[in-house]
Protein backbone atom coordinates (compact mmCIF):
# COMPACT_ATOMS: atom_id res chain seq x y z
CA MET A 1 -17.62 6.29 -1.64
CA SER A 2 -16.29 4.72 -4.84
CA SER A 3 -19.93 4.54 -6.01
CA VAL A 4 -19.64 8.23 -6.87
CA VAL A 5 -17.09 7.27 -9.50
CA ASP A 6 -19.59 4.80 -10.94
CA LEU A 7 -22.06 7.66 -11.23
CA LEU A 8 -19.56 10.01 -12.84
CA ARG A 9 -17.83 7.29 -14.92
CA GLU A 10 -14.55 9.10 -15.46
CA SER A 11 -11.28 9.57 -13.56
CA LYS A 12 -8.26 11.83 -13.29
CA SER A 13 -5.14 11.55 -11.14
CA LYS A 14 -2.86 14.07 -9.45
CA GLN A 15 0.91 14.05 -9.12
CA GLU A 16 2.15 13.96 -5.56
CA GLU A 17 4.46 16.66 -4.23
CA THR A 18 7.01 17.23 -1.47
CA LEU A 19 5.60 18.87 1.65
CA ARG A 20 6.99 20.59 4.72
CA CYS A 21 5.18 20.60 8.07
CA ARG A 22 3.84 24.09 8.76
CA PHE A 23 4.18 23.53 12.52
CA CYS A 24 7.68 22.10 12.97
CA GLY A 25 9.21 22.47 9.49
CA ALA A 26 10.07 18.79 9.05
CA GLU A 27 10.34 17.72 5.39
CA LEU A 28 7.88 15.05 4.30
CA ASP A 29 7.02 13.29 1.07
CA GLY A 30 3.77 13.99 -0.76
CA SER A 31 2.03 10.87 0.56
CA ALA A 32 2.29 11.95 4.22
CA GLU A 33 -0.94 12.93 5.97
CA LEU A 34 0.50 13.39 9.47
CA CYS A 35 3.89 14.85 10.33
CA SER A 36 6.17 12.03 11.50
CA ASN A 37 7.87 14.50 13.83
CA CYS A 38 4.96 16.27 15.57
CA ASP A 39 1.82 14.36 14.40
CA SER A 40 0.21 17.55 13.03
CA PRO A 41 -1.96 17.50 9.89
CA VAL A 42 0.51 18.03 7.06
CA LYS A 43 -1.29 19.89 4.34
CA VAL A 44 -3.25 23.02 5.22
CA VAL A 45 -3.57 25.65 2.49
CA THR A 46 -5.79 28.65 1.85
CA LEU A 47 -8.89 28.58 -0.28
CA ALA A 48 -7.15 30.78 -2.85
CA GLU A 49 -4.20 28.35 -3.04
CA GLN A 50 -6.40 25.26 -3.36
CA GLY A 51 -8.57 26.83 -6.05
CA ARG A 52 -10.99 24.61 -7.92
CA ARG A 53 -9.70 21.34 -6.54
CA LEU A 54 -11.58 19.40 -3.88
CA PRO A 55 -9.78 19.22 -0.52
CA ILE A 56 -10.39 15.46 -0.27
CA GLY A 57 -11.85 14.28 -3.56
CA ILE A 58 -13.64 11.22 -4.87
CA ILE A 59 -11.97 7.85 -4.34
CA ASP A 60 -11.42 5.96 -7.59
CA ASP A 61 -10.04 2.44 -7.25
CA GLY A 62 -8.70 2.66 -10.80
CA ARG A 63 -8.55 -0.01 -13.46
CA ASP A 64 -4.94 -0.75 -12.56
CA GLY A 65 -5.90 -1.33 -8.92
CA LYS A 66 -4.19 1.87 -7.79
CA LYS A 67 -6.44 4.28 -5.92
CA LYS A 68 -6.72 7.89 -7.03
CA LEU A 69 -8.47 10.98 -5.73
CA LEU A 70 -10.46 12.89 -8.32
CA LYS A 71 -10.29 16.55 -7.31
CA ASP A 72 -10.93 18.93 -10.21
CA PHE A 73 -14.29 20.69 -10.42
CA ASN A 74 -15.77 23.73 -12.11
CA LEU A 75 -18.83 25.91 -11.60
CA VAL A 76 -20.68 28.96 -12.90
CA LYS A 77 -21.86 32.03 -11.01
CA LEU A 78 -25.07 32.01 -9.03
CA ASN A 79 -26.69 34.84 -11.00
CA TRP A 80 -30.34 35.85 -11.21
CA ASP A 81 -31.22 33.26 -13.87
CA LYS A 82 -29.56 30.48 -11.88
CA GLU A 83 -31.36 31.53 -8.71
CA ARG A 84 -34.70 31.29 -10.55
CA GLU A 85 -33.75 27.78 -11.69
CA VAL A 86 -32.81 26.83 -8.13
CA SER A 87 -36.10 28.18 -6.80
CA ALA A 88 -38.11 26.22 -9.36
CA SER A 89 -36.27 22.98 -8.53
CA TRP A 90 -36.57 23.59 -4.81
CA LYS A 91 -40.36 23.91 -5.06
CA GLU A 92 -40.48 20.44 -6.58
CA ILE A 93 -38.04 18.99 -4.05
CA LEU A 94 -40.05 20.41 -1.13
CA ARG A 95 -42.64 17.71 -1.78
CA ARG A 96 -40.23 14.99 -0.65
CA PRO A 97 -40.94 13.67 2.87
CA ASP A 98 -37.25 13.14 3.73
CA LEU A 99 -36.25 16.72 2.99
CA ASN A 100 -33.68 18.49 5.14
CA PRO A 101 -32.82 22.24 5.01
CA LEU A 102 -29.21 21.39 4.21
CA ASP A 103 -30.42 19.75 1.01
CA TYR A 104 -30.80 23.29 -0.30
CA ILE A 105 -27.00 23.44 -0.58
CA LEU A 106 -27.13 20.38 -2.86
CA CYS A 107 -29.85 22.02 -4.93
CA VAL A 108 -27.78 25.19 -5.38
CA LEU A 109 -24.66 23.24 -6.34
CA ALA A 110 -26.64 20.97 -8.66
CA HIS A 111 -27.44 24.06 -10.74
CA THR A 112 -24.00 25.69 -10.64
CA VAL A 113 -21.36 22.91 -10.68
CA THR A 114 -20.59 21.99 -14.29
CA ASP A 115 -18.04 19.16 -13.93
CA ILE A 116 -16.48 17.05 -11.17
CA GLY A 117 -13.36 14.91 -11.37
CA GLY A 118 -13.18 15.18 -15.16
CA SER A 119 -16.84 14.24 -15.68
CA ASP A 120 -19.47 16.38 -17.35
CA PHE A 121 -21.84 17.04 -14.46
CA LYS A 122 -24.41 18.82 -16.65
CA LYS A 123 -25.35 15.65 -18.53
CA HIS A 124 -27.28 14.40 -15.46
CA ASN A 125 -30.68 15.66 -14.39
CA ILE A 126 -31.03 17.70 -11.19
CA GLU A 127 -32.16 14.77 -9.02
CA HIS A 128 -29.17 12.69 -10.10
CA ARG A 129 -26.77 15.60 -9.55
CA MET A 130 -28.11 16.04 -6.01
CA HIS A 131 -27.68 12.32 -5.40
CA ILE A 132 -24.03 12.43 -6.52
CA LEU A 133 -23.32 15.49 -4.37
CA GLY A 134 -25.00 13.92 -1.34
CA GLU A 135 -22.75 10.86 -1.55
CA MET A 136 -19.59 12.99 -1.65
CA PHE A 137 -17.57 13.84 1.47
CA ALA A 138 -19.12 16.67 3.46
CA GLY A 139 -15.87 18.67 3.46
CA ASP A 140 -15.81 18.65 -0.34
CA VAL A 141 -19.43 19.77 -0.69
CA PHE A 142 -18.98 22.70 1.69
CA TYR A 143 -15.76 23.63 -0.12
CA MET A 144 -17.55 23.88 -3.48
CA TYR A 145 -20.24 25.95 -1.77
CA ALA A 146 -17.61 28.39 -0.46
CA MET A 147 -15.97 28.59 -3.89
CA LEU A 148 -19.37 29.33 -5.43
CA ARG A 149 -19.82 32.25 -3.04
CA VAL A 150 -16.37 33.66 -3.86
CA HIS A 151 -16.90 33.16 -7.61
CA SER A 152 -20.34 34.80 -7.50
CA LEU A 153 -19.83 37.69 -5.05
CA GLY A 154 -16.10 37.93 -4.41
CA PRO A 155 -14.07 37.01 -1.30
CA GLU A 156 -15.22 39.89 0.91
CA TYR A 157 -17.53 38.76 3.71
CA ASP A 158 -18.70 40.83 6.69
CA ILE A 159 -19.50 39.39 10.10
CA ARG A 160 -21.79 41.90 11.80
CA ASP A 161 -22.81 42.78 15.34
CA ILE A 162 -20.34 40.65 17.31
CA GLU A 163 -19.88 40.88 21.07
CA CYS A 164 -16.40 40.62 22.56
CA PRO A 165 -16.54 37.87 25.21
CA ARG A 166 -14.07 39.75 27.44
CA CYS A 167 -15.29 43.36 27.55
CA GLY A 168 -18.76 43.04 26.01
CA ARG A 169 -18.09 45.65 23.31
CA ARG A 170 -20.32 45.35 20.24
CA ILE A 171 -18.25 45.16 17.05
CA GLN A 172 -20.52 46.44 14.29
CA LYS A 173 -18.63 44.88 11.39
CA PHE A 174 -15.59 42.64 10.94
CA SER A 175 -14.49 42.02 7.35
CA VAL A 176 -13.18 38.60 6.35
CA ASP A 177 -11.35 37.65 3.16
CA LEU A 178 -12.81 34.23 2.38
CA SER A 179 -9.91 33.43 0.05
CA THR A 180 -7.61 33.31 3.11
CA LEU A 181 -9.66 30.67 4.97
CA GLU A 182 -7.57 27.61 5.85
CA VAL A 183 -8.37 24.35 4.08
CA THR A 184 -7.23 20.92 5.26
CA VAL A 185 -6.26 18.94 2.16
CA ARG A 186 -5.87 15.19 1.78
CA ASP A 187 -3.92 13.85 -1.19
CA ASN A 188 -3.21 10.20 -0.40
CA PRO A 189 -6.26 7.92 -0.84
CA ASP A 190 -4.54 5.11 1.04
CA THR A 191 -4.55 7.14 4.27
CA LEU A 192 -8.12 8.45 4.13
CA SER A 193 -9.16 5.58 6.35
CA GLN A 194 -7.72 6.15 9.83
CA LYS A 195 -7.34 3.36 12.42
CA VAL A 196 -8.35 4.49 15.90
CA ALA A 197 -6.99 2.48 18.84
CA LEU A 198 -9.42 2.45 21.77
CA ARG A 199 -8.46 2.17 25.44
CA TYR A 200 -11.55 0.32 26.66
CA GLY A 201 -13.31 -0.74 23.48
CA PHE A 202 -16.67 -2.47 23.19
CA ASP A 203 -18.04 -6.02 23.08
CA LEU A 204 -19.03 -7.49 19.73
CA GLY A 205 -19.29 -11.11 18.66
CA GLY A 206 -18.23 -12.42 22.06
CA ALA A 207 -14.99 -10.45 22.22
CA ASN A 208 -13.78 -6.99 23.24
CA ARG A 209 -12.90 -4.88 20.19
CA LYS A 210 -10.32 -2.14 20.67
CA ALA A 211 -9.82 -0.69 17.19
CA VAL A 212 -11.98 0.70 14.39
CA GLU A 213 -11.24 2.37 11.08
CA LEU A 214 -13.00 5.57 10.05
CA LEU A 215 -13.58 7.37 6.75
CA PRO A 216 -14.74 10.98 6.33
CA ALA A 217 -18.53 11.29 6.61
CA SER A 218 -20.66 11.91 3.55
CA PHE A 219 -22.69 15.07 3.19
CA ARG A 220 -25.98 13.17 3.10
CA VAL A 221 -25.36 11.47 6.44
CA MET A 222 -24.32 14.74 8.05
CA ALA A 223 -27.29 16.63 6.61
CA HIS A 224 -29.85 14.03 7.65
CA SER A 225 -28.59 13.37 11.18
CA PRO A 226 -30.48 14.97 14.11
CA MET A 227 -28.56 18.22 14.73
CA ASP A 228 -30.78 19.11 17.71
CA ASP A 229 -29.47 16.02 19.52
CA GLU A 230 -25.67 16.28 19.65
CA ALA A 231 -25.12 12.77 21.02
CA GLN A 232 -27.28 11.09 18.38
CA PHE A 233 -25.84 13.34 15.66
CA PHE A 234 -22.33 12.11 16.48
CA ALA A 235 -23.58 8.52 16.70
CA GLU A 236 -25.04 8.70 13.17
CA ILE A 237 -21.84 10.21 11.80
CA LEU A 238 -19.75 7.57 13.57
CA LYS A 239 -21.86 4.68 12.28
CA SER A 240 -21.54 5.95 8.73
CA ALA A 241 -17.82 6.73 9.00
CA CYS A 242 -16.82 3.35 10.49
CA SER A 243 -15.43 1.24 7.64
CA LYS A 244 -13.93 -1.62 9.64
CA ILE A 245 -14.05 -3.14 13.15
CA GLU A 246 -11.08 -5.02 14.56
CA GLY A 247 -11.35 -8.79 14.08
CA VAL A 248 -14.86 -8.81 12.60
CA GLU A 249 -15.15 -9.08 8.83
CA GLY A 250 -17.99 -7.04 7.36
CA ALA A 251 -19.32 -5.84 10.74
CA VAL A 252 -20.99 -2.46 11.11
CA LEU A 253 -21.10 -0.17 14.11
CA THR A 254 -24.53 0.18 15.74
CA ASP A 255 -26.05 2.12 18.65
CA LYS A 256 -25.49 -0.95 20.83
CA GLU A 257 -21.70 -0.76 20.44
CA ILE A 258 -21.59 3.05 20.68
CA SER A 259 -23.53 2.95 23.97
CA GLN A 260 -20.70 0.86 25.48
CA LEU A 261 -17.98 3.40 24.68
CA GLU A 262 -16.30 5.16 27.58
CA PRO A 263 -15.83 8.98 27.46
CA TYR A 264 -12.10 8.58 26.71
CA ASP A 265 -12.76 6.44 23.63
CA LEU A 266 -15.58 8.72 22.48
CA ALA A 267 -13.22 11.71 22.71
CA LYS A 268 -10.61 9.90 20.57
CA LEU A 269 -13.23 9.02 17.97
CA ARG A 270 -14.50 12.62 17.88
CA GLU A 271 -10.97 13.90 17.38
CA ALA A 272 -10.32 11.44 14.56
CA ASN A 273 -13.64 12.26 12.91
CA ASP A 274 -12.96 16.01 13.05
CA TRP A 275 -9.52 15.59 11.50
CA LEU A 276 -10.75 13.23 8.78
CA ALA A 277 -13.52 15.65 7.77
CA GLY A 278 -11.07 17.94 5.98
CA GLY A 279 -12.19 20.99 4.07
CA ILE A 280 -12.62 24.56 5.25
CA ASN A 281 -12.00 25.86 8.73
CA TRP A 282 -15.02 28.15 9.17
CA SER A 283 -13.57 29.73 12.32
CA VAL A 284 -11.93 33.15 11.97
CA ASP A 285 -9.84 35.16 14.42
CA ILE A 286 -11.35 38.48 15.49
CA VAL A 287 -9.59 41.21 17.48
CA CYS A 288 -11.68 43.49 19.69
CA ASP A 289 -11.37 47.10 18.51
CA ASN A 290 -11.54 48.40 22.09
CA GLU A 291 -8.01 49.76 22.67
CA ARG A 292 -8.20 48.85 26.36
CA CYS A 293 -9.16 45.29 25.55
CA GLY A 294 -7.64 44.02 22.27
CA ASN A 295 -8.98 40.55 23.00
CA LYS A 296 -8.50 37.95 20.26
CA PHE A 297 -11.34 35.44 19.91
CA ASN A 298 -12.90 33.08 17.37
CA GLU A 299 -16.14 33.47 15.48
CA LEU A 300 -17.78 31.03 13.09
CA ILE A 301 -18.83 32.13 9.61
CA ASP A 302 -22.55 31.66 9.05
CA TRP A 303 -22.65 29.56 5.87
CA ARG A 304 -26.46 29.37 5.74
CA HIS A 305 -27.54 30.48 2.27
CA GLY A 306 -29.44 33.61 3.33
CA SER A 307 -26.43 34.92 5.23
CA PHE A 308 -23.58 33.60 3.10
CA PHE A 309 -25.09 34.98 -0.10
CA ALA A 310 -26.43 38.11 1.55
CA LEU A 311 -25.50 40.33 -1.40
CA SER A 312 -27.24 38.18 -4.01
CA SER A 313 -30.01 39.55 -6.21
CA ARG A 314 -32.45 37.11 -4.64
CA SER A 315 -31.78 38.51 -1.17
CA ARG A 316 -32.23 42.09 -2.37
CA VAL A 317 -35.58 41.26 -3.93
CA ILE A 318 -36.76 39.55 -0.75
CA ARG A 319 -35.75 42.55 1.35
CA GLN A 320 -37.57 44.90 -1.03
CA ARG A 321 -40.72 42.80 -0.85
CA MET A 322 -40.57 42.73 2.94
CA LYS A 323 -40.41 46.55 3.02
CA SER A 324 -43.33 47.00 0.64
């Protein structure tokens, strides 16, 4: 991931701060990622509190050998002119054989993000901007996308036509304040890589390996993994995220090793991968408005562009054309 720094060619650091566990209240120093008392993720803030700072950031090894996380970014609104620019670029990009629908998010951000980690993002052409964004952590890319939506249309977002899983009542509209969404933040670059101890392990190089180290997955790997095949999707994420295998220098994880993993070890790796991902929690709590029910359940925000930017000028024009 440090190759992103080579592309941006600038760095900026952040002062660490004292934290308190939001679950048990234990006091921790700013470098802590897990609570030493209850093992809960330490830093979870709202989107409004985090502002225009990436939840994870770009790893910079630094000239002094001390790692830093570059977090600052800025962007402009997705207005009508920007949407026309995005559409023109997207028509060109559609010719690529390796295209994935999620690449559209990169295209949108390539036109609206102006700087990342202290670097002038605008000095690069669109293709290079998309390449930089694709190599960034997925949690950071989705975070910038959410901030773009809030900056362009405001924090109000309506989830429509929801069915209560308990009583079956149709909730016509549930309003969400996107600025209150929880964001898992990582501030210590030395703990981004998490060692996962396995119970059964796998065979590699003539020995049984019972530990691997994982990094958060990049957006490009996530976007170009087969989402219609959950097992293979996780396998691709895991292969990309694995940065080290116990006792084997320079080894990489392959389908052969993953196929040996027992369900218990797979569950531990999934849990570690989910926690490492960081970024926005897209799940919101909804309360059924049936007085006899009052059931509280979770619903995921639809971050697909057509839904997430439903109030944009582009969407209005499309709806008008469909009616005519």
